Amino acid sequence: MEATNFESRHQQALHLMVVALASLAYLGDRVDIVWALVRNHSDSASWERLVFGCGALMLLGSAILETWANAPRNVPSRDAPPLSGESLNGHRQQYGRLARVLLVLAVGLLLPLSGTVILLAGETILFLRLSFRKDGNIAALRPTARLTTNSWSAAFRAAGGKWGLSVSMIIFAWTLQDRLAEIGAVCSVILWLVLNTAARQRSHGV
């Protein structure tokens, strides 16, 4: 069953809701899935740093892909063949989907086992529903639609939360201080909300 118009318009809010719901697992279990696996190891700290270091790389990859998906593209010249709307949107969706997968896998490392399961299940459902809807809508695009250029500032703004989470994960992988990871995650969400809310207000002339 494909996503509704509401789900399509409010994807970011739905993703945040899934993350928030998964984070509630901390109320019953404060042990993240990585520590649960390595705490009995003789060199648990090194294993933690290795795993969370990989998580930081996944977040960096997610931020790069998200930025690239929204980056400005050269508008074809008058003599060049028109850009296919299906091809254009298909590439952007592929980058965005892969960025989301990397983000979910990295965030899942910070949650208790039950939270990781909730996160993966919720994101999988959203991914499938939105994918079916987008794939169906691509065919309805005009076949000769030309790409509208975006600014690099808008591209980085759209991925601002992921860049913030990347920095937070790098710091956490180095220090292994839970409080720093929590503060970094909250600041990243606030950063994304501030940057994108301000942009929407400007676009609507508020």
N, C-alpha and C. Protein backbone atom coordinates (compact mmCIF):
# COMPACT_ATOMS: atom_id res chain seq x y z
N MET A 1 0.84 -1.20 0.00
CA MET A 1 0.00 0.00 0.00
C MET A 1 0.88 1.25 0.00
N GLU A 2 0.65 2.15 -0.95
CA GLU A 2 1.51 3.32 -1.07
C GLU A 2 1.15 4.39 -0.05
N ALA A 3 2.09 5.31 0.16
CA ALA A 3 1.90 6.35 1.16
C ALA A 3 0.81 7.32 0.75
N THR A 4 0.20 7.95 1.74
CA THR A 4 -0.82 8.96 1.49
C THR A 4 -0.15 10.29 1.16
N ASN A 5 -0.96 11.27 0.74
CA ASN A 5 -0.42 12.60 0.46
C ASN A 5 0.19 13.21 1.72
N PHE A 6 -0.43 12.96 2.86
CA PHE A 6 0.09 13.48 4.13
C PHE A 6 1.48 12.93 4.40
N GLU A 7 1.67 11.63 4.23
CA GLU A 7 2.97 11.01 4.47
C GLU A 7 4.02 11.56 3.51
N SER A 8 3.61 11.79 2.27
CA SER A 8 4.55 12.31 1.28
C SER A 8 4.99 13.73 1.61
N ARG A 9 4.05 14.56 2.10
CA ARG A 9 4.36 15.96 2.40
C ARG A 9 5.15 16.11 3.69
N HIS A 10 4.97 15.18 4.64
CA HIS A 10 5.57 15.35 5.97
C HIS A 10 6.54 14.21 6.28
N GLN A 11 7.38 13.89 5.31
CA GLN A 11 8.31 12.77 5.49
C GLN A 11 9.28 13.01 6.64
N GLN A 12 9.87 14.21 6.69
CA GLN A 12 10.85 14.48 7.73
C GLN A 12 10.24 14.37 9.12
N ALA A 13 9.02 14.90 9.28
CA ALA A 13 8.35 14.82 10.57
C ALA A 13 8.10 13.37 10.96
N LEU A 14 7.72 12.54 10.00
CA LEU A 14 7.47 11.13 10.28
C LEU A 14 8.75 10.40 10.67
N HIS A 15 9.85 10.73 9.99
CA HIS A 15 11.13 10.13 10.34
C HIS A 15 11.53 10.52 11.76
N LEU A 16 11.33 11.78 12.11
CA LEU A 16 11.66 12.24 13.46
C LEU A 16 10.79 11.53 14.50
N MET A 17 9.54 11.29 14.16
CA MET A 17 8.64 10.60 15.08
C MET A 17 9.11 9.16 15.33
N VAL A 18 9.58 8.50 14.28
CA VAL A 18 10.08 7.13 14.42
C VAL A 18 11.31 7.12 15.33
N VAL A 19 12.23 8.09 15.10
CA VAL A 19 13.43 8.17 15.93
C VAL A 19 13.05 8.46 17.38
N ALA A 20 12.10 9.38 17.59
CA ALA A 20 11.67 9.71 18.94
C ALA A 20 11.05 8.50 19.64
N LEU A 21 10.23 7.75 18.91
CA LEU A 21 9.61 6.56 19.47
C LEU A 21 10.66 5.52 19.83
N ALA A 22 11.64 5.33 18.95
CA ALA A 22 12.71 4.37 19.22
C ALA A 22 13.54 4.80 20.43
N SER A 23 13.71 6.12 20.59
CA SER A 23 14.51 6.64 21.70
C SER A 23 13.84 6.42 23.05
N LEU A 24 12.52 6.23 23.04
CA LEU A 24 11.81 5.96 24.29
C LEU A 24 12.25 4.65 24.92
N ALA A 25 12.92 3.81 24.15
CA ALA A 25 13.42 2.54 24.70
C ALA A 25 14.41 2.78 25.83
N TYR A 26 15.03 3.97 25.85
CA TYR A 26 15.96 4.31 26.92
C TYR A 26 15.28 4.36 28.28
N LEU A 27 13.97 4.56 28.29
CA LEU A 27 13.25 4.62 29.56
C LEU A 27 13.28 3.27 30.28
N GLY A 28 13.37 2.21 29.51
CA GLY A 28 13.41 0.88 30.11
C GLY A 28 14.77 0.23 30.10
N ASP A 29 15.68 0.74 29.28
CA ASP A 29 17.00 0.13 29.16
C ASP A 29 18.00 1.19 28.74
N ARG A 30 18.99 1.47 29.58
CA ARG A 30 19.97 2.50 29.29
C ARG A 30 21.21 1.97 28.57
N VAL A 31 21.22 0.66 28.28
CA VAL A 31 22.40 0.05 27.66
C VAL A 31 22.21 0.00 26.15
N ASP A 32 23.06 0.71 25.41
CA ASP A 32 22.93 0.68 23.95
C ASP A 32 23.39 -0.67 23.41
N ILE A 33 22.99 -0.94 22.18
CA ILE A 33 23.22 -2.26 21.60
C ILE A 33 24.70 -2.59 21.46
N VAL A 34 25.54 -1.59 21.22
CA VAL A 34 26.97 -1.83 21.07
C VAL A 34 27.59 -2.24 22.40
N TRP A 35 27.29 -1.48 23.45
CA TRP A 35 27.84 -1.80 24.77
C TRP A 35 27.34 -3.16 25.25
N ALA A 36 26.09 -3.49 24.94
CA ALA A 36 25.55 -4.79 25.33
C ALA A 36 26.35 -5.93 24.71
N LEU A 37 26.89 -5.70 23.52
CA LEU A 37 27.64 -6.74 22.82
C LEU A 37 29.10 -6.83 23.25
N VAL A 38 29.72 -5.68 23.63
CA VAL A 38 31.17 -5.67 23.88
C VAL A 38 31.55 -5.50 25.34
N ARG A 39 30.59 -5.30 26.23
CA ARG A 39 30.95 -4.96 27.61
C ARG A 39 31.72 -6.05 28.34
N ASN A 40 31.56 -7.29 27.91
CA ASN A 40 32.29 -8.39 28.55
C ASN A 40 33.63 -8.69 27.89
N HIS A 41 33.96 -7.92 26.87
CA HIS A 41 35.23 -8.10 26.18
C HIS A 41 36.35 -7.46 26.99
N SER A 42 37.54 -8.04 26.92
CA SER A 42 38.66 -7.53 27.70
C SER A 42 39.09 -6.12 27.28
N ASP A 43 38.83 -5.76 26.03
CA ASP A 43 39.18 -4.42 25.53
C ASP A 43 37.92 -3.77 24.96
N SER A 44 36.91 -3.66 25.80
CA SER A 44 35.60 -3.17 25.36
C SER A 44 35.65 -1.75 24.80
N ALA A 45 36.49 -0.88 25.39
CA ALA A 45 36.57 0.51 24.94
C ALA A 45 37.05 0.60 23.50
N SER A 46 38.04 -0.22 23.15
CA SER A 46 38.56 -0.19 21.78
C SER A 46 37.51 -0.68 20.79
N TRP A 47 36.77 -1.71 21.17
CA TRP A 47 35.70 -2.20 20.31
C TRP A 47 34.61 -1.16 20.13
N GLU A 48 34.28 -0.47 21.23
CA GLU A 48 33.28 0.60 21.14
C GLU A 48 33.73 1.67 20.17
N ARG A 49 34.98 2.11 20.31
CA ARG A 49 35.49 3.16 19.43
C ARG A 49 35.49 2.71 17.98
N LEU A 50 35.81 1.44 17.75
CA LEU A 50 35.83 0.93 16.38
C LEU A 50 34.43 0.95 15.77
N VAL A 51 33.44 0.45 16.52
CA VAL A 51 32.08 0.38 16.00
C VAL A 51 31.49 1.77 15.81
N PHE A 52 31.65 2.62 16.81
CA PHE A 52 31.10 3.97 16.68
C PHE A 52 31.88 4.81 15.67
N GLY A 53 33.14 4.47 15.46
CA GLY A 53 33.89 5.11 14.39
C GLY A 53 33.29 4.77 13.03
N CYS A 54 32.91 3.50 12.87
CA CYS A 54 32.22 3.10 11.64
C CYS A 54 30.88 3.82 11.51
N GLY A 55 30.21 4.00 12.66
CA GLY A 55 28.95 4.74 12.65
C GLY A 55 29.15 6.18 12.22
N ALA A 56 30.26 6.78 12.67
CA ALA A 56 30.57 8.16 12.28
C ALA A 56 30.81 8.25 10.77
N LEU A 57 31.49 7.25 10.22
CA LEU A 57 31.72 7.23 8.78
C LEU A 57 30.41 7.09 8.01
N MET A 58 29.48 6.27 8.55
CA MET A 58 28.18 6.13 7.90
C MET A 58 27.41 7.45 7.92
N LEU A 59 27.49 8.17 9.05
CA LEU A 59 26.81 9.46 9.13
C LEU A 59 27.43 10.47 8.18
N LEU A 60 28.75 10.46 8.07
CA LEU A 60 29.40 11.35 7.11
C LEU A 60 28.96 11.02 5.69
N GLY A 61 28.89 9.73 5.38
CA GLY A 61 28.43 9.33 4.06
C GLY A 61 26.99 9.76 3.82
N SER A 62 26.16 9.65 4.85
CA SER A 62 24.77 10.08 4.73
C SER A 62 24.68 11.58 4.47
N ALA A 63 25.48 12.36 5.20
CA ALA A 63 25.47 13.82 5.02
C ALA A 63 25.94 14.21 3.62
N ILE A 64 26.98 13.54 3.14
CA ILE A 64 27.51 13.84 1.80
C ILE A 64 26.47 13.50 0.73
N LEU A 65 25.84 12.34 0.85
CA LEU A 65 24.85 11.93 -0.14
C LEU A 65 23.63 12.85 -0.13
N GLU A 66 23.18 13.23 1.09
CA GLU A 66 22.03 14.13 1.19
C GLU A 66 22.35 15.48 0.58
N THR A 67 23.56 15.98 0.84
CA THR A 67 23.97 17.27 0.26
C THR A 67 24.05 17.16 -1.26
N TRP A 68 24.63 16.07 -1.74
CA TRP A 68 24.78 15.88 -3.19
C TRP A 68 23.42 15.75 -3.87
N ALA A 69 22.49 15.10 -3.19
CA ALA A 69 21.16 14.93 -3.77
C ALA A 69 20.47 16.27 -3.98
N ASN A 70 20.78 17.25 -3.14
CA ASN A 70 20.14 18.56 -3.22
C ASN A 70 21.06 19.63 -3.82
N ALA A 71 22.21 19.19 -4.32
CA ALA A 71 23.19 20.14 -4.83
C ALA A 71 22.73 20.73 -6.16
N PRO A 72 23.25 21.92 -6.51
CA PRO A 72 22.90 22.53 -7.80
C PRO A 72 23.45 21.70 -8.95
N ARG A 73 22.69 21.66 -10.00
CA ARG A 73 23.11 20.96 -11.21
C ARG A 73 23.13 21.96 -12.36
N ASN A 74 23.96 21.71 -13.33
CA ASN A 74 24.02 22.57 -14.50
C ASN A 74 22.77 22.38 -15.35
N VAL A 75 22.13 23.48 -15.69
CA VAL A 75 20.97 23.40 -16.58
C VAL A 75 21.45 23.12 -17.99
N PRO A 76 20.88 22.16 -18.69
CA PRO A 76 21.33 21.83 -20.05
C PRO A 76 21.26 23.05 -20.97
N SER A 77 22.20 23.11 -21.89
CA SER A 77 22.19 24.20 -22.85
C SER A 77 21.01 24.06 -23.81
N ARG A 78 20.76 25.10 -24.59
CA ARG A 78 19.62 25.09 -25.50
C ARG A 78 19.74 23.98 -26.53
N ASP A 79 20.98 23.68 -26.92
CA ASP A 79 21.19 22.66 -27.94
C ASP A 79 21.22 21.25 -27.37
N ALA A 80 21.35 21.13 -26.05
CA ALA A 80 21.43 19.80 -25.44
C ALA A 80 20.05 19.17 -25.37
N PRO A 81 19.98 17.86 -25.41
CA PRO A 81 18.67 17.20 -25.31
C PRO A 81 18.06 17.46 -23.95
N PRO A 82 16.73 17.58 -23.88
CA PRO A 82 16.08 17.85 -22.61
C PRO A 82 16.34 16.76 -21.60
N LEU A 83 16.46 17.16 -20.35
CA LEU A 83 16.74 16.22 -19.28
C LEU A 83 15.48 15.48 -18.89
N SER A 84 15.58 14.18 -18.81
CA SER A 84 14.42 13.37 -18.45
C SER A 84 14.04 13.59 -17.00
N GLY A 85 12.77 13.92 -16.74
CA GLY A 85 12.31 14.08 -15.37
C GLY A 85 12.43 12.80 -14.58
N GLU A 86 12.19 11.67 -15.26
CA GLU A 86 12.30 10.37 -14.58
C GLU A 86 13.73 10.10 -14.16
N SER A 87 14.68 10.39 -15.06
CA SER A 87 16.08 10.15 -14.74
C SER A 87 16.55 11.05 -13.62
N LEU A 88 16.19 12.34 -13.71
CA LEU A 88 16.60 13.31 -12.70
C LEU A 88 16.10 12.93 -11.32
N ASN A 89 14.81 12.73 -11.18
CA ASN A 89 14.24 12.42 -9.89
C ASN A 89 14.68 11.05 -9.41
N GLY A 90 14.91 10.13 -10.34
CA GLY A 90 15.38 8.80 -9.95
C GLY A 90 16.73 8.87 -9.28
N HIS A 91 17.66 9.66 -9.85
CA HIS A 91 18.99 9.80 -9.25
C HIS A 91 18.90 10.46 -7.88
N ARG A 92 18.11 11.50 -7.76
CA ARG A 92 17.97 12.20 -6.49
C ARG A 92 17.39 11.26 -5.43
N GLN A 93 16.40 10.47 -5.81
CA GLN A 93 15.79 9.55 -4.86
C GLN A 93 16.77 8.47 -4.43
N GLN A 94 17.59 8.00 -5.34
CA GLN A 94 18.58 6.98 -4.99
C GLN A 94 19.57 7.51 -3.97
N TYR A 95 20.06 8.73 -4.19
CA TYR A 95 20.97 9.33 -3.22
C TYR A 95 20.28 9.50 -1.87
N GLY A 96 19.05 10.01 -1.90
CA GLY A 96 18.32 10.25 -0.67
C GLY A 96 18.03 8.97 0.09
N ARG A 97 17.67 7.91 -0.62
CA ARG A 97 17.37 6.64 0.03
C ARG A 97 18.61 6.05 0.67
N LEU A 98 19.73 6.07 -0.04
CA LEU A 98 20.96 5.53 0.51
C LEU A 98 21.41 6.35 1.72
N ALA A 99 21.24 7.66 1.64
CA ALA A 99 21.58 8.52 2.78
C ALA A 99 20.75 8.15 4.00
N ARG A 100 19.47 7.86 3.77
CA ARG A 100 18.59 7.50 4.88
C ARG A 100 18.98 6.16 5.48
N VAL A 101 19.34 5.20 4.65
CA VAL A 101 19.76 3.88 5.14
C VAL A 101 20.99 4.02 6.04
N LEU A 102 21.98 4.78 5.58
CA LEU A 102 23.19 4.98 6.38
C LEU A 102 22.89 5.67 7.69
N LEU A 103 22.00 6.67 7.65
CA LEU A 103 21.62 7.38 8.87
C LEU A 103 20.97 6.44 9.88
N VAL A 104 20.02 5.63 9.42
CA VAL A 104 19.30 4.72 10.31
C VAL A 104 20.25 3.70 10.94
N LEU A 105 21.16 3.15 10.14
CA LEU A 105 22.10 2.17 10.66
C LEU A 105 23.01 2.78 11.72
N ALA A 106 23.44 4.03 11.50
CA ALA A 106 24.32 4.69 12.46
C ALA A 106 23.59 5.04 13.75
N VAL A 107 22.39 5.60 13.63
CA VAL A 107 21.62 5.96 14.82
C VAL A 107 21.24 4.71 15.61
N GLY A 108 20.98 3.61 14.91
CA GLY A 108 20.64 2.36 15.58
C GLY A 108 21.71 1.88 16.53
N LEU A 109 22.97 2.26 16.29
CA LEU A 109 24.05 1.86 17.17
C LEU A 109 23.96 2.51 18.54
N LEU A 110 23.29 3.66 18.61
CA LEU A 110 23.21 4.42 19.85
C LEU A 110 22.05 4.00 20.74
N LEU A 111 21.18 3.13 20.23
CA LEU A 111 19.95 2.78 20.94
C LEU A 111 20.05 1.41 21.60
N PRO A 112 19.22 1.17 22.63
CA PRO A 112 19.09 -0.19 23.16
C PRO A 112 18.55 -1.12 22.09
N LEU A 113 18.66 -2.41 22.31
CA LEU A 113 18.22 -3.38 21.31
C LEU A 113 16.78 -3.15 20.89
N SER A 114 15.88 -2.95 21.86
CA SER A 114 14.47 -2.74 21.52
C SER A 114 14.28 -1.48 20.69
N GLY A 115 15.05 -0.42 21.01
CA GLY A 115 14.96 0.82 20.24
C GLY A 115 15.46 0.64 18.82
N THR A 116 16.53 -0.12 18.66
CA THR A 116 17.06 -0.38 17.33
C THR A 116 16.06 -1.15 16.48
N VAL A 117 15.38 -2.12 17.10
CA VAL A 117 14.36 -2.89 16.38
C VAL A 117 13.21 -1.98 15.96
N ILE A 118 12.76 -1.11 16.87
CA ILE A 118 11.67 -0.18 16.55
C ILE A 118 12.08 0.75 15.42
N LEU A 119 13.31 1.26 15.49
CA LEU A 119 13.81 2.19 14.47
C LEU A 119 13.87 1.51 13.10
N LEU A 120 14.45 0.32 13.05
CA LEU A 120 14.58 -0.38 11.77
C LEU A 120 13.21 -0.76 11.20
N ALA A 121 12.30 -1.20 12.06
CA ALA A 121 10.98 -1.58 11.59
C ALA A 121 10.21 -0.38 11.08
N GLY A 122 10.22 0.72 11.85
CA GLY A 122 9.50 1.92 11.45
C GLY A 122 10.04 2.52 10.18
N GLU A 123 11.36 2.59 10.06
CA GLU A 123 11.97 3.18 8.87
C GLU A 123 11.77 2.29 7.65
N THR A 124 11.76 0.97 7.85
CA THR A 124 11.52 0.07 6.73
C THR A 124 10.11 0.26 6.18
N ILE A 125 9.14 0.40 7.08
CA ILE A 125 7.75 0.62 6.64
C ILE A 125 7.64 1.93 5.87
N LEU A 126 8.22 3.01 6.43
CA LEU A 126 8.18 4.30 5.74
C LEU A 126 8.88 4.23 4.39
N PHE A 127 10.03 3.58 4.38
CA PHE A 127 10.81 3.47 3.15
C PHE A 127 10.00 2.79 2.04
N LEU A 128 9.37 1.68 2.38
CA LEU A 128 8.61 0.93 1.38
C LEU A 128 7.40 1.72 0.90
N ARG A 129 6.66 2.33 1.83
CA ARG A 129 5.47 3.08 1.45
C ARG A 129 5.82 4.28 0.57
N LEU A 130 6.85 5.02 0.97
CA LEU A 130 7.23 6.21 0.21
C LEU A 130 7.86 5.82 -1.14
N SER A 131 8.57 4.71 -1.16
CA SER A 131 9.18 4.26 -2.41
C SER A 131 8.12 3.92 -3.43
N PHE A 132 7.09 3.20 -3.02
CA PHE A 132 6.02 2.85 -3.94
C PHE A 132 5.34 4.10 -4.48
N ARG A 133 5.11 5.07 -3.59
CA ARG A 133 4.43 6.29 -4.03
C ARG A 133 5.31 7.07 -4.99
N LYS A 134 6.59 7.23 -4.65
CA LYS A 134 7.49 8.01 -5.50
C LYS A 134 7.66 7.34 -6.85
N ASP A 135 7.84 6.02 -6.83
CA ASP A 135 8.04 5.32 -8.10
C ASP A 135 6.82 5.48 -8.99
N GLY A 136 5.65 5.50 -8.37
CA GLY A 136 4.45 5.68 -9.16
C GLY A 136 4.32 7.07 -9.69
N ASN A 137 4.79 8.06 -8.91
CA ASN A 137 4.66 9.44 -9.33
C ASN A 137 5.68 9.85 -10.37
N ILE A 138 6.81 9.15 -10.40
CA ILE A 138 7.84 9.51 -11.37
C ILE A 138 7.30 9.42 -12.79
N ALA A 139 6.52 8.40 -13.05
CA ALA A 139 6.00 8.21 -14.41
C ALA A 139 5.07 9.32 -14.81
N ALA A 140 4.50 10.00 -13.82
CA ALA A 140 3.55 11.06 -14.13
C ALA A 140 4.23 12.39 -14.43
N LEU A 141 5.55 12.47 -14.24
CA LEU A 141 6.27 13.70 -14.51
C LEU A 141 6.35 13.94 -16.01
N ARG A 142 6.51 15.18 -16.33
CA ARG A 142 6.67 15.50 -17.75
C ARG A 142 7.97 14.90 -18.25
N PRO A 143 7.99 14.20 -19.39
CA PRO A 143 9.17 13.48 -19.83
C PRO A 143 10.32 14.40 -20.21
N THR A 144 10.06 15.67 -20.46
CA THR A 144 11.14 16.58 -20.85
C THR A 144 11.38 17.64 -19.78
N ALA A 145 11.02 17.32 -18.53
CA ALA A 145 11.21 18.30 -17.46
C ALA A 145 12.70 18.62 -17.31
N ARG A 146 12.99 19.89 -17.17
CA ARG A 146 14.37 20.31 -16.98
C ARG A 146 14.64 20.55 -15.50
N LEU A 147 15.88 20.37 -15.12
CA LEU A 147 16.26 20.47 -13.72
C LEU A 147 16.25 21.92 -13.26
N THR A 148 15.65 22.14 -12.10
CA THR A 148 15.71 23.45 -11.46
C THR A 148 16.93 23.48 -10.56
N THR A 149 17.78 24.46 -10.72
CA THR A 149 19.00 24.51 -9.95
C THR A 149 18.72 24.90 -8.51
N ASN A 150 19.48 24.35 -7.60
CA ASN A 150 19.45 24.72 -6.20
C ASN A 150 20.78 25.34 -5.84
N SER A 151 20.82 26.05 -4.73
CA SER A 151 22.08 26.63 -4.28
C SER A 151 22.78 25.64 -3.35
N TRP A 152 24.11 25.77 -3.25
CA TRP A 152 24.85 24.91 -2.35
C TRP A 152 24.45 25.18 -0.90
N SER A 153 24.14 26.43 -0.60
CA SER A 153 23.73 26.75 0.77
C SER A 153 22.45 26.01 1.13
N ALA A 154 21.51 25.92 0.18
CA ALA A 154 20.27 25.18 0.42
C ALA A 154 20.56 23.69 0.58
N ALA A 155 21.51 23.17 -0.19
CA ALA A 155 21.86 21.75 -0.10
C ALA A 155 22.45 21.41 1.26
N PHE A 156 23.38 22.25 1.74
CA PHE A 156 23.97 22.02 3.06
C PHE A 156 22.95 22.25 4.17
N ARG A 157 22.05 23.19 3.96
CA ARG A 157 21.01 23.45 4.96
C ARG A 157 20.10 22.24 5.10
N ALA A 158 19.73 21.64 3.99
CA ALA A 158 18.84 20.47 4.04
C ALA A 158 19.48 19.31 4.78
N ALA A 159 20.81 19.20 4.69
CA ALA A 159 21.54 18.10 5.34
C ALA A 159 22.20 18.56 6.64
N GLY A 160 21.82 19.73 7.13
CA GLY A 160 22.48 20.28 8.32
C GLY A 160 22.42 19.36 9.52
N GLY A 161 21.28 18.71 9.73
CA GLY A 161 21.15 17.81 10.86
C GLY A 161 22.11 16.64 10.77
N LYS A 162 22.30 16.10 9.56
CA LYS A 162 23.20 14.97 9.37
C LYS A 162 24.66 15.37 9.59
N TRP A 163 25.01 16.58 9.15
CA TRP A 163 26.38 17.04 9.41
C TRP A 163 26.61 17.20 10.91
N GLY A 164 25.60 17.73 11.61
CA GLY A 164 25.73 17.88 13.06
C GLY A 164 25.86 16.54 13.75
N LEU A 165 25.05 15.56 13.33
CA LEU A 165 25.13 14.22 13.92
C LEU A 165 26.48 13.57 13.63
N SER A 166 27.04 13.84 12.46
CA SER A 166 28.35 13.28 12.12
C SER A 166 29.41 13.77 13.08
N VAL A 167 29.41 15.07 13.35
CA VAL A 167 30.37 15.64 14.29
C VAL A 167 30.16 15.05 15.68
N SER A 168 28.89 14.93 16.07
CA SER A 168 28.57 14.38 17.39
C SER A 168 29.08 12.94 17.53
N MET A 169 28.88 12.14 16.48
CA MET A 169 29.32 10.75 16.54
C MET A 169 30.84 10.64 16.58
N ILE A 170 31.53 11.52 15.85
CA ILE A 170 33.00 11.52 15.89
C ILE A 170 33.49 11.82 17.30
N ILE A 171 32.88 12.83 17.93
CA ILE A 171 33.26 13.19 19.31
C ILE A 171 32.97 12.04 20.26
N PHE A 172 31.80 11.41 20.07
CA PHE A 172 31.44 10.30 20.95
C PHE A 172 32.36 9.11 20.77
N ALA A 173 32.72 8.81 19.51
CA ALA A 173 33.62 7.69 19.25
C ALA A 173 34.98 7.91 19.91
N TRP A 174 35.36 9.17 20.02
CA TRP A 174 36.67 9.50 20.62
C TRP A 174 36.60 9.49 22.15
N THR A 175 35.50 10.03 22.71
CA THR A 175 35.41 10.19 24.16
C THR A 175 34.61 9.10 24.86
N LEU A 176 33.65 8.49 24.14
CA LEU A 176 32.73 7.50 24.70
C LEU A 176 31.92 8.08 25.87
N GLN A 177 31.62 9.36 25.78
CA GLN A 177 30.81 10.02 26.79
C GLN A 177 29.37 10.13 26.30
N ASP A 178 28.47 9.39 26.96
CA ASP A 178 27.07 9.38 26.52
C ASP A 178 26.46 10.77 26.51
N ARG A 179 26.79 11.58 27.51
CA ARG A 179 26.19 12.90 27.61
C ARG A 179 26.53 13.76 26.40
N LEU A 180 27.76 13.65 25.91
CA LEU A 180 28.15 14.42 24.73
C LEU A 180 27.35 13.99 23.51
N ALA A 181 27.11 12.68 23.38
CA ALA A 181 26.32 12.18 22.25
C ALA A 181 24.89 12.70 22.32
N GLU A 182 24.32 12.70 23.52
CA GLU A 182 22.94 13.17 23.70
C GLU A 182 22.82 14.65 23.38
N ILE A 183 23.77 15.45 23.90
CA ILE A 183 23.75 16.88 23.64
C ILE A 183 23.93 17.15 22.15
N GLY A 184 24.85 16.44 21.53
CA GLY A 184 25.09 16.62 20.10
C GLY A 184 23.88 16.27 19.26
N ALA A 185 23.18 15.20 19.63
CA ALA A 185 21.99 14.80 18.87
C ALA A 185 20.90 15.84 18.98
N VAL A 186 20.67 16.35 20.19
CA VAL A 186 19.64 17.38 20.40
C VAL A 186 19.99 18.65 19.63
N CYS A 187 21.26 19.06 19.70
CA CYS A 187 21.70 20.26 19.00
C CYS A 187 21.56 20.09 17.48
N SER A 188 21.80 18.90 16.98
CA SER A 188 21.69 18.64 15.54
C SER A 188 20.25 18.78 15.07
N VAL A 189 19.31 18.24 15.86
CA VAL A 189 17.90 18.36 15.51
C VAL A 189 17.46 19.82 15.54
N ILE A 190 17.89 20.53 16.59
CA ILE A 190 17.54 21.96 16.69
C ILE A 190 18.13 22.74 15.52
N LEU A 191 19.38 22.43 15.17
CA LEU A 191 20.03 23.10 14.04
C LEU A 191 19.24 22.89 12.76
N TRP A 192 18.84 21.64 12.50
CA TRP A 192 18.07 21.35 11.29
C TRP A 192 16.75 22.10 11.29
N LEU A 193 16.06 22.12 12.43
CA LEU A 193 14.76 22.79 12.51
C LEU A 193 14.91 24.29 12.28
N VAL A 194 15.92 24.90 12.90
CA VAL A 194 16.12 26.35 12.75
C VAL A 194 16.44 26.71 11.31
N LEU A 195 17.38 26.00 10.71
CA LEU A 195 17.80 26.32 9.35
C LEU A 195 16.66 26.14 8.35
N ASN A 196 15.93 25.05 8.47
CA ASN A 196 14.90 24.76 7.47
C ASN A 196 13.61 25.52 7.73
N THR A 197 13.29 25.81 8.98
CA THR A 197 12.11 26.62 9.27
C THR A 197 12.31 28.03 8.75
N ALA A 198 13.51 28.58 8.98
CA ALA A 198 13.80 29.92 8.49
C ALA A 198 13.72 29.97 6.96
N ALA A 199 14.21 28.91 6.31
CA ALA A 199 14.17 28.88 4.84
C ALA A 199 12.74 28.82 4.34
N ARG A 200 11.89 28.03 5.01
CA ARG A 200 10.50 27.94 4.57
C ARG A 200 9.78 29.28 4.76
N GLN A 201 10.08 29.96 5.85
CA GLN A 201 9.45 31.26 6.09
C GLN A 201 9.85 32.27 5.03
N ARG A 202 11.13 32.24 4.62
CA ARG A 202 11.58 33.16 3.57
C ARG A 202 10.92 32.83 2.25
N SER A 203 10.77 31.54 1.95
CA SER A 203 10.17 31.14 0.69
C SER A 203 8.69 31.51 0.61
N HIS A 204 8.05 31.64 1.78
CA HIS A 204 6.64 32.03 1.81
C HIS A 204 6.45 33.52 2.12
N GLY A 205 7.57 34.23 2.16
CA GLY A 205 7.52 35.65 2.36
C GLY A 205 7.10 36.08 3.76
N VAL A 206 7.40 35.20 4.76
CA VAL A 206 7.03 35.53 6.14
C VAL A 206 8.07 36.46 6.73
